[in-house]
């Protein structure tokens, strides 16, 4: 849709000029975002060390700077609250 631009002159005689402008679109050179089909496709996820099994969670390990799939919580502190 085009924009309509109007200018009104408020001198002793009132006149108006109306002109139609055309907007154009521009293209960008942005790459499409990468798609991931599985955890093995993500560089900072280690699914080889412990494998992936039902119930696995990702745990970040600073020694490897990777997320590792595991079914065991080893270094986590859990707070259950008060009941």
N, C-alpha and C. Protein backbone atom coordinates (compact mmCIF):
# COMPACT_ATOMS: atom_id res chain seq x y z
N UNK A 1 0.85 -1.17 0.00
CA UNK A 1 0.00 0.00 0.00
C UNK A 1 0.89 1.22 0.00
N UNK A 2 0.49 2.24 -0.73
CA UNK A 2 1.29 3.45 -0.81
C UNK A 2 0.86 4.44 0.25
N UNK A 3 1.79 5.30 0.65
CA UNK A 3 1.50 6.37 1.61
C UNK A 3 1.05 7.60 0.85
N UNK A 4 0.16 8.36 1.45
CA UNK A 4 -0.26 9.63 0.88
C UNK A 4 0.27 10.72 1.79
N UNK A 5 1.01 11.66 1.22
CA UNK A 5 1.62 12.75 1.97
C UNK A 5 0.88 14.03 1.60
N UNK A 6 0.43 14.76 2.62
CA UNK A 6 -0.29 16.01 2.37
C UNK A 6 0.42 17.15 3.07
N UNK A 7 0.51 18.30 2.40
CA UNK A 7 1.07 19.50 2.99
C UNK A 7 0.02 20.60 2.90
N UNK A 8 -0.26 21.23 4.02
CA UNK A 8 -1.27 22.30 4.04
C UNK A 8 -0.56 23.60 4.37
N UNK A 9 -0.77 24.63 3.53
CA UNK A 9 -0.18 25.95 3.73
C UNK A 9 -1.25 26.82 4.39
N UNK A 10 -0.93 27.36 5.56
CA UNK A 10 -1.93 28.12 6.32
C UNK A 10 -1.77 29.62 6.13
N UNK A 11 -1.28 30.07 5.00
CA UNK A 11 -1.17 31.51 4.73
C UNK A 11 -2.58 32.08 4.49
N UNK A 12 -2.68 33.27 3.96
CA UNK A 12 -3.97 33.92 3.79
C UNK A 12 -4.92 33.10 2.93
N UNK A 13 -4.42 32.43 1.95
CA UNK A 13 -5.25 31.52 1.17
C UNK A 13 -4.80 30.10 1.50
N UNK A 14 -5.74 29.25 1.77
CA UNK A 14 -5.42 27.88 2.14
C UNK A 14 -5.30 27.03 0.88
N UNK A 15 -4.15 26.37 0.75
CA UNK A 15 -3.95 25.46 -0.37
C UNK A 15 -3.42 24.14 0.18
N UNK A 16 -3.59 23.11 -0.57
CA UNK A 16 -3.08 21.80 -0.16
C UNK A 16 -2.47 21.11 -1.35
N UNK A 17 -1.33 20.48 -1.14
CA UNK A 17 -0.68 19.67 -2.17
C UNK A 17 -0.66 18.23 -1.66
N UNK A 18 -1.14 17.32 -2.45
CA UNK A 18 -1.17 15.91 -2.07
C UNK A 18 -0.38 15.13 -3.11
N UNK A 19 0.54 14.30 -2.63
CA UNK A 19 1.30 13.47 -3.55
C UNK A 19 1.36 12.04 -3.02
N UNK A 20 1.43 11.12 -3.91
CA UNK A 20 1.45 9.71 -3.55
C UNK A 20 2.89 9.21 -3.65
N UNK A 21 3.35 8.49 -2.61
CA UNK A 21 4.70 7.93 -2.63
C UNK A 21 4.61 6.41 -2.65
N UNK A 22 5.62 5.80 -3.18
CA UNK A 22 5.66 4.34 -3.26
C UNK A 22 6.78 3.83 -2.37
N UNK A 23 6.45 2.91 -1.47
CA UNK A 23 7.46 2.32 -0.61
C UNK A 23 8.04 1.09 -1.30
N UNK A 24 9.31 0.89 -1.08
CA UNK A 24 9.95 -0.30 -1.63
C UNK A 24 10.51 -1.14 -0.49
N UNK A 25 10.62 -2.40 -0.72
CA UNK A 25 11.21 -3.28 0.28
C UNK A 25 12.67 -3.53 -0.08
N UNK A 26 13.45 -3.85 0.92
CA UNK A 26 14.86 -4.15 0.67
C UNK A 26 15.18 -5.57 1.10
N UNK A 27 16.18 -6.12 0.52
CA UNK A 27 16.61 -7.47 0.86
C UNK A 27 17.79 -7.40 1.82
N UNK A 28 17.90 -8.42 2.66
CA UNK A 28 19.05 -8.52 3.54
C UNK A 28 19.85 -9.75 3.16
N UNK A 29 21.07 -9.78 3.58
CA UNK A 29 21.94 -10.91 3.28
C UNK A 29 22.10 -11.81 4.51
N UNK A 30 21.09 -11.87 5.37
CA UNK A 30 21.16 -12.69 6.56
C UNK A 30 20.99 -14.16 6.20
N UNK A 31 21.77 -14.99 6.85
CA UNK A 31 21.66 -16.42 6.61
C UNK A 31 20.49 -16.98 7.39
N UNK A 32 19.90 -18.03 6.89
CA UNK A 32 18.83 -18.70 7.61
C UNK A 32 19.39 -19.32 8.88
N UNK A 33 18.61 -19.34 9.96
CA UNK A 33 19.11 -19.96 11.18
C UNK A 33 19.34 -21.46 10.97
N UNK A 34 20.35 -21.97 11.66
CA UNK A 34 20.66 -23.39 11.53
C UNK A 34 19.56 -24.21 12.19
N UNK A 35 19.30 -25.36 11.64
CA UNK A 35 18.32 -26.24 12.25
C UNK A 35 19.04 -27.42 12.88
N UNK A 36 18.48 -27.91 13.95
CA UNK A 36 19.07 -29.03 14.67
C UNK A 36 18.07 -30.17 14.68
N UNK A 37 18.52 -31.33 14.24
CA UNK A 37 17.64 -32.49 14.20
C UNK A 37 17.79 -33.38 15.42
N UNK A 38 18.95 -33.34 16.08
CA UNK A 38 19.15 -34.17 17.27
C UNK A 38 20.23 -33.55 18.15
N UNK A 39 20.32 -34.02 19.40
CA UNK A 39 21.32 -33.51 20.33
C UNK A 39 22.74 -33.77 19.83
N UNK A 40 22.95 -34.84 19.10
CA UNK A 40 24.28 -35.16 18.59
C UNK A 40 24.78 -34.10 17.61
N UNK A 41 23.89 -33.30 17.03
CA UNK A 41 24.27 -32.27 16.07
C UNK A 41 24.76 -30.99 16.73
N UNK A 42 24.63 -30.88 18.05
CA UNK A 42 25.03 -29.67 18.76
C UNK A 42 26.45 -29.85 19.29
N UNK A 43 27.33 -28.90 18.96
CA UNK A 43 28.75 -29.05 19.24
C UNK A 43 29.08 -29.17 20.72
N UNK A 44 28.39 -28.45 21.60
CA UNK A 44 28.78 -28.47 23.01
C UNK A 44 27.95 -29.43 23.86
N UNK A 45 27.40 -30.45 23.23
CA UNK A 45 26.68 -31.50 23.97
C UNK A 45 27.37 -32.83 23.73
N UNK A 46 27.78 -33.48 24.82
CA UNK A 46 28.45 -34.77 24.76
C UNK A 46 27.42 -35.87 25.00
N UNK A 47 27.09 -36.58 23.95
CA UNK A 47 26.15 -37.70 24.08
C UNK A 47 26.87 -39.04 23.97
N UNK A 48 28.19 -39.02 23.81
CA UNK A 48 28.96 -40.23 23.61
C UNK A 48 29.40 -40.84 24.95
N UNK A 49 29.89 -40.03 25.89
CA UNK A 49 30.45 -40.53 27.14
C UNK A 49 29.49 -41.44 27.90
N UNK A 50 28.28 -40.96 28.15
CA UNK A 50 27.30 -41.76 28.90
C UNK A 50 26.18 -42.28 28.01
N UNK A 51 26.18 -41.90 26.76
CA UNK A 51 25.11 -42.31 25.87
C UNK A 51 23.81 -41.58 26.19
N UNK A 52 22.81 -41.81 25.37
CA UNK A 52 21.49 -41.22 25.61
C UNK A 52 20.53 -42.37 25.91
N UNK A 53 19.92 -42.32 27.07
CA UNK A 53 18.93 -43.33 27.44
C UNK A 53 17.69 -42.64 27.95
N UNK A 54 16.63 -43.37 28.07
CA UNK A 54 15.38 -42.81 28.59
C UNK A 54 15.63 -42.25 29.98
N UNK A 55 15.20 -41.02 30.21
CA UNK A 55 15.37 -40.38 31.51
C UNK A 55 16.64 -39.56 31.62
N UNK A 56 17.43 -39.48 30.57
CA UNK A 56 18.67 -38.69 30.61
C UNK A 56 18.36 -37.21 30.76
N UNK A 57 19.25 -36.50 31.45
CA UNK A 57 19.19 -35.05 31.55
C UNK A 57 20.55 -34.51 31.14
N UNK A 58 20.61 -33.24 30.80
CA UNK A 58 21.88 -32.62 30.44
C UNK A 58 22.47 -31.93 31.66
N UNK A 59 23.74 -32.25 31.97
CA UNK A 59 24.46 -31.67 33.10
C UNK A 59 25.70 -30.98 32.53
N UNK A 60 25.91 -29.71 32.91
CA UNK A 60 27.08 -28.99 32.42
C UNK A 60 28.31 -29.37 33.23
N UNK A 61 29.39 -29.70 32.53
CA UNK A 61 30.65 -30.07 33.18
C UNK A 61 31.71 -29.04 32.80
N UNK A 62 32.24 -28.34 33.81
CA UNK A 62 33.25 -27.32 33.55
C UNK A 62 34.57 -27.93 33.08
N UNK A 63 34.84 -29.18 33.44
CA UNK A 63 36.09 -29.83 33.02
C UNK A 63 36.15 -29.97 31.50
N UNK A 64 35.01 -30.20 30.87
CA UNK A 64 34.98 -30.38 29.41
C UNK A 64 34.35 -29.19 28.68
N UNK A 65 33.75 -28.28 29.45
CA UNK A 65 33.00 -27.16 28.86
C UNK A 65 31.90 -27.65 27.94
N UNK A 66 31.27 -28.75 28.33
CA UNK A 66 30.18 -29.31 27.52
C UNK A 66 29.04 -29.75 28.42
N UNK A 67 27.87 -29.84 27.81
CA UNK A 67 26.72 -30.45 28.45
C UNK A 67 26.82 -31.95 28.21
N UNK A 68 26.65 -32.75 29.27
CA UNK A 68 26.78 -34.20 29.16
C UNK A 68 25.47 -34.86 29.54
N UNK A 69 25.03 -35.80 28.71
CA UNK A 69 23.82 -36.55 29.02
C UNK A 69 24.12 -37.51 30.17
N UNK A 70 23.24 -37.56 31.16
CA UNK A 70 23.45 -38.44 32.31
C UNK A 70 22.10 -38.81 32.92
N UNK A 71 22.06 -39.95 33.59
CA UNK A 71 20.87 -40.34 34.35
C UNK A 71 21.14 -40.26 35.85
N UNK A 72 22.35 -39.79 36.22
CA UNK A 72 22.75 -39.71 37.63
C UNK A 72 23.09 -38.28 38.01
N UNK A 73 22.53 -37.79 39.11
CA UNK A 73 22.90 -36.49 39.64
C UNK A 73 24.05 -36.72 40.61
N UNK A 74 25.20 -36.08 40.35
CA UNK A 74 26.39 -36.33 41.15
C UNK A 74 26.79 -35.15 42.02
N UNK A 75 26.69 -33.93 41.52
CA UNK A 75 27.19 -32.75 42.23
C UNK A 75 26.10 -31.71 42.50
N UNK A 76 24.86 -32.10 42.42
CA UNK A 76 23.78 -31.13 42.56
C UNK A 76 23.33 -31.04 44.02
N UNK A 77 23.02 -29.82 44.44
CA UNK A 77 22.43 -29.58 45.75
C UNK A 77 20.94 -29.37 45.55
N UNK A 78 20.14 -30.16 46.21
CA UNK A 78 18.70 -30.08 46.04
C UNK A 78 18.08 -29.47 47.31
N UNK A 79 17.20 -28.51 47.14
CA UNK A 79 16.49 -27.89 48.27
C UNK A 79 15.03 -28.26 48.13
N UNK A 80 14.52 -29.02 49.07
CA UNK A 80 13.14 -29.49 49.02
C UNK A 80 12.17 -28.56 49.70
N UNK A 81 12.65 -27.55 50.40
CA UNK A 81 11.77 -26.63 51.09
C UNK A 81 11.26 -27.19 52.38
N UNK A 82 10.27 -26.53 52.96
CA UNK A 82 9.67 -26.98 54.21
C UNK A 82 8.21 -27.31 53.97
N UNK A 83 7.73 -28.33 54.66
CA UNK A 83 6.34 -28.73 54.48
C UNK A 83 5.60 -28.69 55.78
